[in-house]
């Protein structure tokens, strides 16, 4: 397919300064779409496959390599830049717009989304890479200033193109996490981006290229763009059904609540009396046996008559529920990053946590745990520090969570703890992830604590471990408050036995995990060893 030759440099041309501005605006729009597609791929990788440093590096490196490959591949087509640009934008809008839906469906029904992720990365990166040479060619085909040499004109064109491209990338980088993802979700967000991509291509076709391509080519291009727009509009309207059907395939029990936030995907399922909470696909608790976990997490930290307690994480409200049962506790500060988790806890999970987060003794704070510890909060922190700190955070399987299992984090936690206070940390399974468990123990020790690890059996999770710690050199002896309420699982004999580890899961001397070297994230990637 060939186009009518563009006017030579120095002769009257169709592109006035006004139309150059329109084309540069299209450049910014296309760049925004391109970065959104890449961010969507990274988000999908995290949600479907757990993300991680390796997956992120492969996606970013693969995308950048594809940019270069696309720029080289389009070189033979630069003589037909106008119609090639329309074709590239049409393909990019369709592939990018459908990528999230394709990944989600394949992951749910075929359990093999990695190859779709790789192909999507290569295709989208290649098409985005082809845009710049095509746009550079189009922008240079305009009336030349006789006082400006070709090199200077080319430099100015490149400067304008680069500025528009980077500005668009900035806009896309802000729109995805703050607008598209929280408002539309992954599938509809990617589809909406594809529509924007196609609309930008249509504007360029109608207003700028109608005199430089043949009428037949223009009509064909517009029909192709309209067909693609119709396809993505249909996906946009039907995305909720696709998501619901695909998501339900991932869970054995019916889904009764779903949220997709800036931080994570929240799913609550229910079958009979068993309600379960999942964050990014990882099970957080089952109401069948969460009392075993919650009692083991909370009461050992209250052994020295605690009155004030800081809970980091635990946004489901289960730890707060148990704390409110303990006589003498007057202040509970609950720090949770994601407000949607708190909202789900106050509604869907209310029966499980007894409405604990609405109790006047509980102060709910929406903040990152590390940021909160670094900032003075005289209105919330007791003068001498909290009597107990309970750290109930998700497993550190990403760098973002790994920082909350670092030496630096536990040092900050010590500053919030009273001199005679106790801290307890959920530390994962000493059987399924033994290296991560003992890495947590070593990391807490490196932060200046004396520690006593212990573990209990939670049927849903298997063998699950915790670390009881206090600042100084005297290791704490796990105990229970003398006035503890009646419990279903924990008692002094169970707690005493919980400190015994068999040889196959015994202590391991390991280097601590730090902000500079988050070893625990790699430990979680390897899992059982």
Protein backbone atom coordinates (compact mmCIF):
# COMPACT_ATOMS: atom_id res chain seq x y z
CA UNK A 1 0.00 0.00 0.00
CA UNK A 2 1.58 3.30 -1.05
CA UNK A 3 0.80 6.90 -0.22
CA UNK A 4 0.85 10.06 -2.33
CA UNK A 5 4.35 11.60 -1.99
CA UNK A 6 4.69 14.22 0.68
CA UNK A 7 5.85 17.69 -0.40
CA UNK A 8 9.55 18.29 -0.46
CA UNK A 9 11.26 20.44 2.13
CA UNK A 10 11.14 24.08 1.18
CA UNK A 11 7.91 23.88 -0.86
CA UNK A 12 4.36 24.76 0.29
CA UNK A 13 3.03 21.90 2.42
CA UNK A 14 -0.13 20.77 4.10
CA UNK A 15 1.35 21.05 7.58
CA UNK A 16 1.01 24.55 8.98
CA UNK A 17 2.26 25.35 12.45
CA UNK A 18 -1.23 24.72 13.75
CA UNK A 19 -1.28 21.22 12.33
CA UNK A 20 2.19 20.57 13.67
CA UNK A 21 0.81 21.40 17.11
CA UNK A 22 -2.03 18.93 16.56
CA UNK A 23 0.45 16.26 15.50
CA UNK A 24 2.61 16.93 18.56
CA UNK A 25 -0.50 16.62 20.72
CA UNK A 26 -1.13 13.25 19.06
CA UNK A 27 2.48 12.33 19.85
CA UNK A 28 1.86 13.12 23.54
CA UNK A 29 -1.38 11.10 23.55
CA UNK A 30 0.29 8.11 21.92
CA UNK A 31 3.22 8.30 24.34
CA UNK A 32 0.80 8.38 27.27
CA UNK A 33 -0.92 5.28 25.91
CA UNK A 34 2.40 3.54 25.39
CA UNK A 35 3.54 4.02 28.99
CA UNK A 36 0.10 2.99 30.28
CA UNK A 37 0.34 -0.28 28.34
CA UNK A 38 3.71 -1.00 29.97
CA UNK A 39 2.39 -0.12 33.43
CA UNK A 40 -0.64 -2.33 32.81
CA UNK A 41 1.68 -5.24 31.98
CA UNK A 42 3.65 -4.64 35.18
CA UNK A 43 0.43 -4.46 37.21
CA UNK A 44 -0.85 -7.67 35.67
CA UNK A 45 2.45 -9.39 36.36
CA UNK A 46 2.18 -8.42 40.02
CA UNK A 47 -1.49 -9.38 40.36
CA UNK A 48 -1.43 -12.64 38.41
CA UNK A 49 2.09 -13.96 38.88
CA UNK A 50 3.25 -12.24 42.06
CA UNK A 51 5.48 -9.74 40.25
CA UNK A 52 8.87 -9.43 41.89
CA UNK A 53 12.20 -8.02 40.84
CA UNK A 54 12.91 -10.67 38.21
CA UNK A 55 9.52 -10.38 36.48
CA UNK A 56 9.64 -6.57 36.58
CA UNK A 57 13.17 -6.49 35.18
CA UNK A 58 12.27 -8.87 32.36
CA UNK A 59 9.18 -6.85 31.38
CA UNK A 60 11.02 -3.52 31.44
CA UNK A 61 14.10 -4.87 29.64
CA UNK A 62 11.97 -6.73 27.11
CA UNK A 63 9.84 -3.65 26.47
CA UNK A 64 12.89 -1.43 25.90
CA UNK A 65 14.50 -4.01 23.61
CA UNK A 66 11.25 -4.20 21.65
CA UNK A 67 11.28 -0.40 21.27
CA UNK A 68 14.60 -0.64 19.47
CA UNK A 69 13.48 -3.58 17.36
CA UNK A 70 10.33 -1.71 16.31
CA UNK A 71 12.31 1.37 15.30
CA UNK A 72 14.56 -0.74 13.08
CA UNK A 73 11.72 -2.77 11.60
CA UNK A 74 9.82 0.30 10.40
CA UNK A 75 12.74 1.80 8.45
CA UNK A 76 11.69 0.33 5.07
CA UNK A 77 8.22 1.85 5.52
CA UNK A 78 9.28 5.43 6.20
CA UNK A 79 8.59 6.40 2.57
CA UNK A 80 4.95 5.61 3.33
CA UNK A 81 5.02 7.18 6.80
CA UNK A 82 1.46 8.50 6.81
CA UNK A 83 -0.45 5.30 6.15
CA UNK A 84 2.06 3.23 8.13
CA UNK A 85 1.52 5.47 11.16
CA UNK A 86 -2.24 4.89 10.98
CA UNK A 87 -1.72 1.13 10.67
CA UNK A 88 0.68 1.09 13.65
CA UNK A 89 -1.74 3.07 15.83
CA UNK A 90 -4.66 0.83 14.90
CA UNK A 91 -2.67 -2.30 15.81
CA UNK A 92 -1.34 -0.71 18.99
CA UNK A 93 -4.81 0.32 20.12
CA UNK A 94 -6.21 -3.16 19.52
CA UNK A 95 -3.31 -5.15 21.00
CA UNK A 96 -2.76 -2.82 23.94
CA UNK A 97 -6.45 -2.48 24.64
CA UNK A 98 -7.00 -6.24 24.60
CA UNK A 99 -3.80 -7.22 26.41
CA UNK A 100 -5.21 -7.06 29.96
CA UNK A 101 -8.33 -9.03 29.07
CA UNK A 102 -6.27 -11.67 27.24
CA UNK A 103 -3.86 -12.09 30.15
CA UNK A 104 -6.65 -12.30 32.70
CA UNK A 105 -8.68 -14.86 30.76
CA UNK A 106 -5.68 -17.03 29.90
CA UNK A 107 -4.49 -16.98 33.51
CA UNK A 108 -7.93 -17.96 34.80
CA UNK A 109 -8.78 -20.66 32.27
CA UNK A 110 -5.43 -22.02 31.08
CA UNK A 111 -2.98 -21.30 33.92
CA UNK A 112 -0.32 -20.16 31.48
CA UNK A 113 -0.26 -16.38 31.27
CA UNK A 114 3.54 -16.03 31.10
CA UNK A 115 3.73 -16.52 27.35
CA UNK A 116 0.87 -14.07 26.77
CA UNK A 117 2.71 -11.54 28.94
CA UNK A 118 5.91 -12.02 26.92
CA UNK A 119 4.16 -11.76 23.56
CA UNK A 120 2.18 -8.68 24.65
CA UNK A 121 5.35 -6.99 25.88
CA UNK A 122 7.16 -7.66 22.59
CA UNK A 123 4.28 -6.57 20.34
CA UNK A 124 3.39 -3.43 22.27
CA UNK A 125 7.03 -2.41 22.67
CA UNK A 126 7.70 -2.98 18.97
CA UNK A 127 4.71 -0.89 17.87
CA UNK A 128 5.53 1.94 20.28
CA UNK A 129 9.13 1.87 19.03
CA UNK A 130 7.89 2.27 15.43
CA UNK A 131 5.98 5.45 16.34
CA UNK A 132 8.98 7.74 16.82
CA UNK A 133 10.65 7.27 13.40
CA UNK A 134 7.26 7.62 11.70
CA UNK A 135 6.36 10.78 13.60
CA UNK A 136 9.82 12.23 13.03
CA UNK A 137 9.36 11.70 9.30
CA UNK A 138 5.92 13.32 9.31
CA UNK A 139 7.05 16.31 11.33
CA UNK A 140 9.99 17.01 9.01
CA UNK A 141 7.79 17.08 5.91
CA UNK A 142 6.73 20.68 6.16
CA UNK A 143 7.72 24.15 4.94
CA UNK A 144 11.35 24.83 5.68
CA UNK A 145 12.80 28.08 6.92
CA UNK A 146 15.36 29.14 4.28
CA UNK A 147 17.50 30.74 7.00
CA UNK A 148 17.81 27.45 8.90
CA UNK A 149 20.07 24.64 7.74
CA UNK A 150 18.78 21.06 7.60
CA UNK A 151 20.75 19.93 10.64
CA UNK A 152 19.31 22.68 12.83
CA UNK A 153 15.77 22.04 11.53
CA UNK A 154 16.15 18.34 12.25
CA UNK A 155 17.42 19.12 15.75
CA UNK A 156 14.45 21.36 16.46
CA UNK A 157 12.03 18.74 15.17
CA UNK A 158 13.65 16.10 17.32
CA UNK A 159 13.51 18.40 20.35
CA UNK A 160 9.78 19.02 19.84
CA UNK A 161 9.10 15.33 19.31
CA UNK A 162 11.11 14.30 22.38
CA UNK A 163 9.43 16.91 24.58
CA UNK A 164 5.95 15.83 23.48
CA UNK A 165 6.88 12.16 23.91
CA UNK A 166 8.22 12.61 27.45
CA UNK A 167 5.33 14.86 28.48
CA UNK A 168 2.90 12.21 27.29
CA UNK A 169 4.82 9.56 29.22
CA UNK A 170 4.52 11.68 32.38
CA UNK A 171 0.78 12.07 31.87
CA UNK A 172 0.34 8.33 31.28
CA UNK A 173 2.44 7.49 34.32
CA UNK A 174 0.14 9.58 36.51
CA UNK A 175 -3.17 8.63 34.92
CA UNK A 176 -2.72 4.85 35.30
CA UNK A 177 -2.28 4.59 39.11
CA UNK A 178 -4.48 7.54 40.08
CA UNK A 179 -7.34 7.41 37.56
CA UNK A 180 -7.61 4.39 35.29
CA UNK A 181 -6.61 1.55 37.62
CA UNK A 182 -8.65 2.59 40.69
CA UNK A 183 -11.67 3.76 38.68
CA UNK A 184 -11.83 1.21 35.87
CA UNK A 185 -9.59 -1.70 36.87
CA UNK A 186 -7.02 -3.44 34.68
CA UNK A 187 -9.20 -4.75 31.85
CA UNK A 188 -11.37 -1.66 31.36
CA UNK A 189 -8.42 0.65 32.02
CA UNK A 190 -6.39 -0.95 29.23
CA UNK A 191 -9.42 -0.93 26.90
CA UNK A 192 -10.04 2.78 27.59
CA UNK A 193 -6.37 3.48 26.81
CA UNK A 194 -6.70 1.62 23.52
CA UNK A 195 -9.72 3.76 22.63
CA UNK A 196 -7.73 6.95 23.33
CA UNK A 197 -4.95 5.59 21.13
CA UNK A 198 -7.36 4.95 18.27
CA UNK A 199 -9.07 8.34 18.65
CA UNK A 200 -5.67 10.07 18.42
CA UNK A 201 -4.94 8.12 15.24
CA UNK A 202 -8.36 9.05 13.82
CA UNK A 203 -7.76 12.76 14.49
CA UNK A 204 -4.42 12.59 12.71
CA UNK A 205 -6.09 10.80 9.78
CA UNK A 206 -9.01 13.22 9.39
CA UNK A 207 -7.30 16.54 9.98
CA UNK A 208 -3.69 16.05 8.92
CA UNK A 209 -3.27 13.17 6.50
CA UNK A 210 -6.35 13.41 4.31
CA UNK A 211 -4.37 15.28 1.63
CA UNK A 212 -1.31 13.06 1.67
CA UNK A 213 -2.96 9.67 1.31
CA UNK A 214 -5.34 8.56 -1.39
CA UNK A 215 -9.09 8.70 -0.66
CA UNK A 216 -9.25 4.92 -0.80
CA UNK A 217 -6.46 4.62 1.75
CA UNK A 218 -8.07 7.20 4.01
CA UNK A 219 -11.47 5.47 3.93
CA UNK A 220 -9.84 2.09 4.54
CA UNK A 221 -7.84 3.46 7.47
CA UNK A 222 -10.88 5.12 9.03
CA UNK A 223 -12.96 1.95 8.63
CA UNK A 224 -10.22 -0.06 10.32
CA UNK A 225 -10.03 2.45 13.17
CA UNK A 226 -13.83 2.46 13.59
CA UNK A 227 -13.90 -1.34 13.66
CA UNK A 228 -11.18 -1.38 16.30
CA UNK A 229 -13.02 1.28 18.29
CA UNK A 230 -16.17 -0.81 18.19
CA UNK A 231 -14.28 -3.87 19.39
CA UNK A 232 -12.73 -2.02 22.35
CA UNK A 233 -16.01 -0.29 23.20
CA UNK A 234 -17.68 -3.71 23.35
CA UNK A 235 -14.87 -4.93 25.62
CA UNK A 236 -15.27 -1.84 27.80
CA UNK A 237 -18.97 -2.52 28.25
CA UNK A 238 -18.56 -6.26 28.81
CA UNK A 239 -15.35 -6.16 30.85
CA UNK A 240 -17.13 -6.51 34.17
CA UNK A 241 -18.70 -9.83 33.12
CA UNK A 242 -15.35 -11.06 31.78
CA UNK A 243 -13.59 -10.09 35.00
CA UNK A 244 -16.27 -11.63 37.19
CA UNK A 245 -16.29 -14.92 35.29
CA UNK A 246 -12.51 -15.15 35.07
CA UNK A 247 -11.96 -14.14 38.68
CA UNK A 248 -14.44 -16.69 39.99
CA UNK A 249 -12.48 -19.41 38.17
CA UNK A 250 -9.51 -18.62 40.42
CA UNK A 251 -11.38 -19.29 43.67
CA UNK A 252 -13.05 -22.45 44.86
CA UNK A 253 -15.76 -20.62 46.81
CA UNK A 254 -18.23 -17.94 45.64
CA UNK A 255 -16.87 -14.38 45.72
CA UNK A 256 -18.97 -12.07 47.88
CA UNK A 257 -16.76 -8.94 47.80
CA UNK A 258 -14.11 -7.60 45.44
CA UNK A 259 -12.00 -4.44 45.36
CA UNK A 260 -9.07 -3.48 43.16
CA UNK A 261 -7.09 -0.65 44.69
CA UNK A 262 -3.83 1.16 44.01
CA UNK A 263 -2.14 -1.31 46.35
CA UNK A 264 -3.73 -4.70 45.77
CA UNK A 265 -6.64 -6.87 44.75
CA UNK A 266 -9.00 -7.68 47.63
CA UNK A 267 -11.29 -10.72 47.39
CA UNK A 268 -13.62 -12.19 50.01
CA UNK A 269 -15.20 -15.61 49.41
CA UNK A 270 -17.81 -17.49 51.37
CA UNK A 271 -19.13 -21.03 51.48
CA UNK A 272 -21.48 -21.77 54.35
CA UNK A 273 -19.87 -20.45 57.51
CA UNK A 274 -16.38 -20.30 56.02
CA UNK A 275 -15.42 -16.80 54.91
CA UNK A 276 -11.96 -16.17 53.48
CA UNK A 277 -9.95 -13.04 52.70
CA UNK A 278 -7.44 -12.95 49.83
CA UNK A 279 -5.00 -10.16 49.01
CA UNK A 280 -3.50 -10.39 45.51
CA UNK A 281 -4.58 -14.02 45.44
CA UNK A 282 -2.87 -14.91 48.73
CA UNK A 283 -5.07 -16.31 51.51
CA UNK A 284 -5.02 -14.13 54.63
CA UNK A 285 -7.43 -16.04 56.85
CA UNK A 286 -10.32 -18.47 56.99
CA UNK A 287 -13.02 -18.04 59.62
CA UNK A 288 -12.83 -21.81 60.22
CA UNK A 289 -9.52 -21.51 62.05
CA UNK A 290 -8.36 -17.88 62.15
CA UNK A 291 -8.82 -17.91 65.92
CA UNK A 292 -5.75 -20.18 66.21
CA UNK A 293 -3.64 -17.67 64.31
CA UNK A 294 -5.11 -14.57 65.96
CA UNK A 295 -4.88 -15.83 69.53
CA UNK A 296 -1.28 -16.95 68.95
CA UNK A 297 -0.40 -13.55 67.47
CA UNK A 298 -2.01 -11.35 70.11
CA UNK A 299 -1.87 -12.79 73.62
CA UNK A 300 1.88 -13.59 73.98
CA UNK A 301 2.60 -9.88 73.49
CA UNK A 302 0.29 -8.95 76.39
CA UNK A 303 2.05 -11.02 79.02
CA UNK A 304 3.21 -8.01 81.03
CA UNK A 305 -0.17 -6.36 81.60
CA UNK A 306 -0.32 -4.19 78.50
CA UNK A 307 -2.55 -1.11 78.44
CA UNK A 308 -1.65 0.39 75.05
CA UNK A 309 -1.06 -1.57 71.84
CA UNK A 310 0.13 -0.61 68.36
CA UNK A 311 -1.03 -2.88 65.51
CA UNK A 312 0.85 -2.54 62.22
CA UNK A 313 -1.14 -4.18 59.43
CA UNK A 314 -3.96 -6.43 60.50
CA UNK A 315 -6.51 -4.31 58.67
CA UNK A 316 -9.03 -7.17 58.79
CA UNK A 317 -9.73 -6.16 62.40
CA UNK A 318 -9.18 -9.64 63.87
CA UNK A 319 -6.25 -8.63 66.09
CA UNK A 320 -8.20 -5.59 67.30
CA UNK A 321 -11.12 -7.88 68.13
CA UNK A 322 -8.97 -9.99 70.46
CA UNK A 323 -7.32 -6.95 72.02
CA UNK A 324 -10.71 -5.52 72.91
CA UNK A 325 -11.51 -8.75 74.79
CA UNK A 326 -8.49 -8.32 77.04
CA UNK A 327 -9.26 -6.41 80.28
CA UNK A 328 -7.13 -3.36 80.90
CA UNK A 329 -6.37 -2.39 77.32
CA UNK A 330 -7.51 1.18 76.84
CA UNK A 331 -5.70 2.32 73.67
CA UNK A 332 -5.29 0.50 70.35
CA UNK A 333 -3.73 2.24 67.37
CA UNK A 334 -4.35 0.38 64.11
CA UNK A 335 -2.11 1.39 61.16
CA UNK A 336 -3.22 0.08 57.76
CA UNK A 337 -2.00 1.17 54.33
CA UNK A 338 -5.06 0.44 52.21
CA UNK A 339 -8.32 2.21 53.18
CA UNK A 340 -10.27 -0.34 51.12
CA UNK A 341 -9.17 -3.11 53.51
CA UNK A 342 -10.57 -1.11 56.42
CA UNK A 343 -13.80 -0.55 54.52
CA UNK A 344 -14.13 -4.28 53.78
CA UNK A 345 -13.37 -5.04 57.45
CA UNK A 346 -16.13 -2.69 58.56
CA UNK A 347 -18.69 -4.17 56.17
CA UNK A 348 -18.17 -7.64 54.69
CA UNK A 349 -15.93 -8.86 57.53
CA UNK A 350 -17.87 -7.22 60.33
CA UNK A 351 -19.26 -10.49 61.67
CA UNK A 352 -15.75 -11.97 61.78
CA UNK A 353 -14.16 -9.07 63.66
CA UNK A 354 -17.17 -8.09 65.74
CA UNK A 355 -17.08 -4.49 64.50
CA UNK A 356 -13.78 -3.96 66.33
CA UNK A 357 -12.58 -1.13 64.10
CA UNK A 358 -15.57 1.02 65.04
CA UNK A 359 -14.88 0.69 68.76
CA UNK A 360 -13.94 4.05 70.34
CA UNK A 361 -10.83 2.49 71.89
CA UNK A 362 -9.44 1.77 68.41
CA UNK A 363 -7.81 4.62 66.48
CA UNK A 364 -7.57 3.65 62.82
CA UNK A 365 -4.74 5.32 60.88
CA UNK A 366 -4.38 5.05 57.10
CA UNK A 367 -0.66 5.17 56.42
CA UNK A 368 2.37 3.13 55.43
CA UNK A 369 3.70 1.40 58.54
CA UNK A 370 7.29 2.54 58.03
CA UNK A 371 6.29 6.11 57.29
CA UNK A 372 4.09 6.18 60.40
CA UNK A 373 6.90 4.90 62.61
CA UNK A 374 9.28 7.54 61.26
CA UNK A 375 6.91 10.41 62.08
CA UNK A 376 6.18 11.65 65.64
CA UNK A 377 2.54 11.22 66.64
CA UNK A 378 2.31 12.66 70.16
CA UNK A 379 -1.49 12.56 70.10
CA UNK A 380 -1.45 8.78 69.45
CA UNK A 381 1.78 7.52 71.00
CA UNK A 382 1.85 7.10 74.79
CA UNK A 383 4.58 9.14 76.47
CA UNK A 384 6.64 6.09 77.37
CA UNK A 385 5.85 4.11 74.26
CA UNK A 386 3.37 1.33 73.56
CA UNK A 387 3.24 -1.62 75.95
CA UNK A 388 2.95 -3.97 72.98
CA UNK A 389 3.56 -3.78 69.23
CA UNK A 390 1.85 -6.38 67.04
CA UNK A 391 3.14 -6.62 63.46
CA UNK A 392 0.67 -8.48 61.28
CA UNK A 393 1.78 -7.80 57.72
CA UNK A 394 1.49 -9.89 54.52
CA UNK A 395 4.38 -12.17 53.62
CA UNK A 396 7.34 -10.25 52.12
CA UNK A 397 7.12 -11.59 48.58
CA UNK A 398 7.67 -8.18 46.93
CA UNK A 399 10.30 -5.45 47.50
CA UNK A 400 7.58 -3.12 48.82
CA UNK A 401 6.69 -5.61 51.56
CA UNK A 402 10.32 -6.67 52.03
CA UNK A 403 11.17 -3.24 53.46
CA UNK A 404 8.70 -3.95 56.28
CA UNK A 405 10.76 -7.02 57.23
CA UNK A 406 14.09 -5.17 57.34
CA UNK A 407 16.44 -4.38 60.21
CA UNK A 408 15.71 -0.69 59.73
CA UNK A 409 11.97 -1.26 60.13
CA UNK A 410 12.37 -3.16 63.39
CA UNK A 411 14.68 -0.44 64.74
CA UNK A 412 11.91 2.08 64.09
CA UNK A 413 9.41 -0.22 65.82
CA UNK A 414 11.69 -0.31 68.90
CA UNK A 415 11.43 3.48 69.16
CA UNK A 416 7.65 3.14 69.47
CA UNK A 417 7.90 0.40 72.14
CA UNK A 418 8.03 0.95 75.87
CA UNK A 419 11.27 -0.11 77.56
CA UNK A 420 9.58 -3.17 79.09
CA UNK A 421 7.26 -3.74 76.15
CA UNK A 422 6.99 -6.77 73.88
CA UNK A 423 6.77 -7.02 70.12
CA UNK A 424 5.36 -9.95 68.14
CA UNK A 425 5.82 -10.46 64.40
CA UNK A 426 4.03 -12.91 62.13
CA UNK A 427 6.93 -14.58 60.36
CA UNK A 428 5.51 -17.14 57.94
CA UNK A 429 5.86 -20.89 57.95
CA UNK A 430 8.99 -22.49 59.42
CA UNK A 431 8.11 -25.60 57.37
CA UNK A 432 7.06 -24.25 53.96
CA UNK A 433 9.37 -21.20 53.92
CA UNK A 434 12.01 -22.01 56.55
CA UNK A 435 14.69 -19.66 55.21
CA UNK A 436 12.30 -16.69 55.22
CA UNK A 437 11.16 -17.58 58.75
CA UNK A 438 14.64 -17.79 60.23
CA UNK A 439 15.70 -14.75 58.19
CA UNK A 440 13.01 -12.80 60.02
CA UNK A 441 14.33 -14.07 63.36
CA UNK A 442 17.89 -13.02 62.46
CA UNK A 443 16.72 -9.64 61.19
CA UNK A 444 14.87 -8.83 64.41
CA UNK A 445 17.92 -9.87 66.43
CA UNK A 446 20.14 -7.62 64.30
CA UNK A 447 17.85 -4.71 65.18
CA UNK A 448 18.79 -5.06 68.88
CA UNK A 449 16.09 -7.38 70.18
CA UNK A 450 16.27 -10.59 72.18
CA UNK A 451 13.93 -13.05 70.51
CA UNK A 452 11.92 -16.20 71.15
CA UNK A 453 10.45 -17.79 68.03
CA UNK A 454 7.38 -20.04 68.31
CA UNK A 455 4.99 -21.83 65.97
CA UNK A 456 1.51 -23.35 65.98
CA UNK A 457 -0.61 -25.43 63.64
CA UNK A 458 -3.28 -23.53 61.69
CA UNK A 459 -5.07 -26.07 59.46
CA UNK A 460 -5.62 -23.61 56.60
CA UNK A 461 -1.95 -22.56 56.54
CA UNK A 462 -0.17 -25.53 58.09
CA UNK A 463 2.74 -24.90 60.47
CA UNK A 464 2.88 -21.13 61.11
CA UNK A 465 5.46 -19.16 63.01
CA UNK A 466 5.82 -15.98 65.04
CA UNK A 467 8.65 -14.11 66.75
CA UNK A 468 8.28 -12.67 70.25
CA UNK A 469 10.87 -9.98 70.94
CA UNK A 470 11.92 -7.34 73.44
CA UNK A 471 14.71 -4.74 73.27
CA UNK A 472 17.87 -5.84 75.06
CA UNK A 473 19.60 -9.14 75.70
CA UNK A 474 17.11 -11.07 77.85
CA UNK A 475 14.95 -13.30 75.66
CA UNK A 476 11.26 -13.09 76.55
CA UNK A 477 9.44 -16.14 77.83
CA UNK A 478 6.13 -16.51 76.02
CA UNK A 479 3.29 -16.22 78.47
CA UNK A 480 -0.30 -15.15 78.71
CA UNK A 481 -2.04 -12.48 80.77
CA UNK A 482 -3.40 -13.89 83.98
CA UNK A 483 -6.76 -12.26 83.29
CA UNK A 484 -6.99 -13.40 79.68
CA UNK A 485 -10.54 -14.19 78.51
CA UNK A 486 -11.53 -17.78 77.71
CA UNK A 487 -9.79 -18.81 74.49
CA UNK A 488 -10.60 -21.55 72.00
CA UNK A 489 -7.02 -22.59 71.24
CA UNK A 490 -4.19 -20.93 73.15
CA UNK A 491 -3.28 -21.81 76.72
CA UNK A 492 -0.01 -21.82 78.70
CA UNK A 493 0.82 -25.46 77.86
CA UNK A 494 0.20 -24.95 74.13
CA UNK A 495 2.33 -21.81 74.20
CA UNK A 496 5.15 -23.56 76.02
CA UNK A 497 5.15 -26.38 73.47
CA UNK A 498 5.07 -23.85 70.64
CA UNK A 499 8.66 -22.77 71.37
CA UNK A 500 10.01 -26.25 70.53
CA UNK A 501 11.25 -26.78 66.95
CA UNK A 502 12.06 -30.20 65.52
CA UNK A 503 15.32 -30.86 63.73
CA UNK A 504 13.94 -30.52 60.21
CA UNK A 505 12.76 -26.95 60.86
CA UNK A 506 15.34 -25.94 63.46
CA UNK A 507 17.21 -22.63 63.73
CA UNK A 508 19.38 -21.40 60.88
CA UNK A 509 22.06 -18.71 61.31
CA UNK A 510 21.39 -16.21 58.52
CA UNK A 511 22.37 -12.68 57.60
CA UNK A 512 19.67 -10.08 58.28
CA UNK A 513 17.46 -8.59 55.61
CA UNK A 514 18.00 -4.84 55.14
CA UNK A 515 16.71 -2.04 52.96
CA UNK A 516 19.93 -2.18 50.96
CA UNK A 517 19.77 -5.96 50.56
CA UNK A 518 16.22 -7.33 51.01
CA UNK A 519 17.30 -10.96 51.22
CA UNK A 520 13.93 -12.08 52.54
CA UNK A 521 12.21 -11.31 49.22
CA UNK A 522 14.46 -13.77 47.45
CA UNK A 523 13.84 -16.27 50.27
CA UNK A 524 10.11 -16.06 49.61
CA UNK A 525 10.65 -16.60 45.88
CA UNK A 526 12.42 -19.90 46.58
CA UNK A 527 9.85 -21.02 49.14
CA UNK A 528 10.48 -24.46 50.57
CA UNK A 529 14.07 -25.70 50.41
